[in-house]
Amino acid sequence: MKSDIHPQNYRPVIFHDATSGERFLIGSTIVTKKTGEWTDKKEYPLVTLEISSASHPFYTGKETVIDTAGRVEKFKRRLAVSKK
């Protein structure tokens, strides 16, 4: 293998799915200032996600509307205006 081609900051990171509440401990190089405690009582960097495989309809088989930024209401307003 070639030397010095791999990232130096590769470490375990907790990814928290805000929609489902699931948490995953995965190796990553993502930069974050937040930390969280894992089940092994150790502190790891923490990244919060709006959606992951634990809440995405493709993986869960359940259709849900996840609207954290008011996108659905904005779309409905534009649709109502265009029908006038």
C-alpha atoms as a PDB file:
ATOM      1  CA  MET A   1       0.000   0.000   0.000  1.00  0.00           C
ATOM      2  CA  LYS A   2       1.086   3.562  -0.604  1.00  0.00           C
ATOM      3  CA  SER A   3       2.021   5.503   2.483  1.00  0.00           C
ATOM      4  CA  ASP A   4       0.477   8.855   3.484  1.00  0.00           C
ATOM      5  CA  ILE A   5      -2.629   8.550   1.283  1.00  0.00           C
ATOM      6  CA  HIS A   6      -5.148   7.756   4.018  1.00  0.00           C
ATOM      7  CA  PRO A   7      -6.829  10.480   6.106  1.00  0.00           C
ATOM      8  CA  GLN A   8      -5.302  11.133   9.501  1.00  0.00           C
ATOM      9  CA  ASN A   9      -8.556  12.032  11.277  1.00  0.00           C
ATOM     10  CA  TYR A  10     -10.471   8.798  10.591  1.00  0.00           C
ATOM     11  CA  ARG A  11     -12.194   7.827  13.845  1.00  0.00           C
ATOM     12  CA  PRO A  12     -15.512   6.451  15.199  1.00  0.00           C
ATOM     13  CA  VAL A  13     -18.358   9.004  14.999  1.00  0.00           C
ATOM     14  CA  ILE A  14     -21.937   8.805  16.321  1.00  0.00           C
ATOM     15  CA  PHE A  15     -24.555   9.642  13.692  1.00  0.00           C
ATOM     16  CA  HIS A  16     -27.945  10.480  15.238  1.00  0.00           C
ATOM     17  CA  ASP A  17     -31.062  10.325  13.051  1.00  0.00           C
ATOM     18  CA  ALA A  18     -33.339  13.098  14.379  1.00  0.00           C
ATOM     19  CA  THR A  19     -36.414  11.630  12.671  1.00  0.00           C
ATOM     20  CA  SER A  20     -36.280   8.068  14.034  1.00  0.00           C
ATOM     21  CA  GLY A  21     -34.023   8.553  17.053  1.00  0.00           C
ATOM     22  CA  GLU A  22     -31.644   5.825  15.876  1.00  0.00           C
ATOM     23  CA  ARG A  23     -27.929   6.216  16.478  1.00  0.00           C
ATOM     24  CA  PHE A  24     -25.053   4.612  14.570  1.00  0.00           C
ATOM     25  CA  LEU A  25     -21.364   4.402  15.478  1.00  0.00           C
ATOM     26  CA  ILE A  26     -19.454   4.509  12.194  1.00  0.00           C
ATOM     27  CA  GLY A  27     -15.904   5.370  11.188  1.00  0.00           C
ATOM     28  CA  SER A  28     -15.721   8.772   9.508  1.00  0.00           C
ATOM     29  CA  THR A  29     -13.570  11.836   8.851  1.00  0.00           C
ATOM     30  CA  ILE A  30     -16.462  14.330   9.221  1.00  0.00           C
ATOM     31  CA  VAL A  31     -15.679  17.428  11.281  1.00  0.00           C
ATOM     32  CA  THR A  32     -17.988  18.295  14.190  1.00  0.00           C
ATOM     33  CA  LYS A  33     -17.704  20.111  17.503  1.00  0.00           C
ATOM     34  CA  LYS A  34     -20.490  18.182  19.264  1.00  0.00           C
ATOM     35  CA  THR A  35     -19.832  15.022  21.257  1.00  0.00           C
ATOM     36  CA  GLY A  36     -22.100  12.303  22.579  1.00  0.00           C
ATOM     37  CA  GLU A  37     -21.867   9.257  24.800  1.00  0.00           C
ATOM     38  CA  TRP A  38     -22.159   5.819  23.229  1.00  0.00           C
ATOM     39  CA  THR A  39     -23.330   2.616  24.935  1.00  0.00           C
ATOM     40  CA  ASP A  40     -19.750   1.805  25.935  1.00  0.00           C
ATOM     41  CA  LYS A  41     -19.760   5.005  28.085  1.00  0.00           C
ATOM     42  CA  LYS A  42     -17.117   6.663  25.878  1.00  0.00           C
ATOM     43  CA  GLU A  43     -17.434  10.094  24.292  1.00  0.00           C
ATOM     44  CA  TYR A  44     -17.376  10.277  20.497  1.00  0.00           C
ATOM     45  CA  PRO A  45     -17.931  13.095  17.985  1.00  0.00           C
ATOM     46  CA  LEU A  46     -21.675  13.477  17.263  1.00  0.00           C
ATOM     47  CA  VAL A  47     -23.396  14.372  13.976  1.00  0.00           C
ATOM     48  CA  THR A  48     -27.181  14.884  13.782  1.00  0.00           C
ATOM     49  CA  LEU A  49     -28.922  13.930  10.536  1.00  0.00           C
ATOM     50  CA  GLU A  50     -32.466  14.718   9.393  1.00  0.00           C
ATOM     51  CA  ILE A  51     -32.812  11.382   7.629  1.00  0.00           C
ATOM     52  CA  SER A  52     -30.857   8.122   7.400  1.00  0.00           C
ATOM     53  CA  SER A  53     -31.482   4.524   6.420  1.00  0.00           C
ATOM     54  CA  ALA A  54     -33.424   4.128   9.694  1.00  0.00           C
ATOM     55  CA  SER A  55     -36.081   6.653   8.602  1.00  0.00           C
ATOM     56  CA  HIS A  56     -35.898   6.820   4.793  1.00  0.00           C
ATOM     57  CA  PRO A  57     -39.003   5.321   3.116  1.00  0.00           C
ATOM     58  CA  PHE A  58     -36.902   3.354   0.619  1.00  0.00           C
ATOM     59  CA  TYR A  59     -35.285   1.343   3.437  1.00  0.00           C
ATOM     60  CA  THR A  60     -38.189   1.208   5.904  1.00  0.00           C
ATOM     61  CA  GLY A  61     -40.973   0.477   3.413  1.00  0.00           C
ATOM     62  CA  LYS A  62     -43.170   3.088   5.128  1.00  0.00           C
ATOM     63  CA  GLU A  63     -44.252   6.291   3.446  1.00  0.00           C
ATOM     64  CA  THR A  64     -43.846   9.278   5.728  1.00  0.00           C
ATOM     65  CA  VAL A  65     -43.683  12.996   5.162  1.00  0.00           C
ATOM     66  CA  ILE A  66     -40.624  14.506   6.787  1.00  0.00           C
ATOM     67  CA  ASP A  67     -40.866  18.261   6.583  1.00  0.00           C
ATOM     68  CA  THR A  68     -38.431  20.106   8.802  1.00  0.00           C
ATOM     69  CA  ALA A  69     -38.232  23.328   6.826  1.00  0.00           C
ATOM     70  CA  GLY A  70     -41.864  23.949   5.801  1.00  0.00           C
ATOM     71  CA  ARG A  71     -41.293  22.734   2.256  1.00  0.00           C
ATOM     72  CA  VAL A  72     -44.673  21.006   1.977  1.00  0.00           C
ATOM     73  CA  GLU A  73     -46.609  24.107   3.035  1.00  0.00           C
ATOM     74  CA  LYS A  74     -44.571  26.262   0.648  1.00  0.00           C
ATOM     75  CA  PHE A  75     -45.321  23.854  -2.225  1.00  0.00           C
ATOM     76  CA  LYS A  76     -49.051  23.826  -1.411  1.00  0.00           C
ATOM     77  CA  ARG A  77     -49.154  27.660  -1.395  1.00  0.00           C
ATOM     78  CA  ARG A  78     -47.445  27.829  -4.798  1.00  0.00           C
ATOM     79  CA  LEU A  79     -49.766  25.162  -6.174  1.00  0.00           C
ATOM     80  CA  ALA A  80     -52.855  27.039  -4.956  1.00  0.00           C
ATOM     81  CA  VAL A  81     -51.628  30.281  -6.539  1.00  0.00           C
ATOM     82  CA  SER A  82     -50.898  28.574  -9.863  1.00  0.00           C
ATOM     83  CA  LYS A  83     -54.419  27.068 -10.044  1.00  0.00           C
ATOM     84  CA  LYS A  84     -56.080  30.499  -9.822  1.00  0.00           C
END
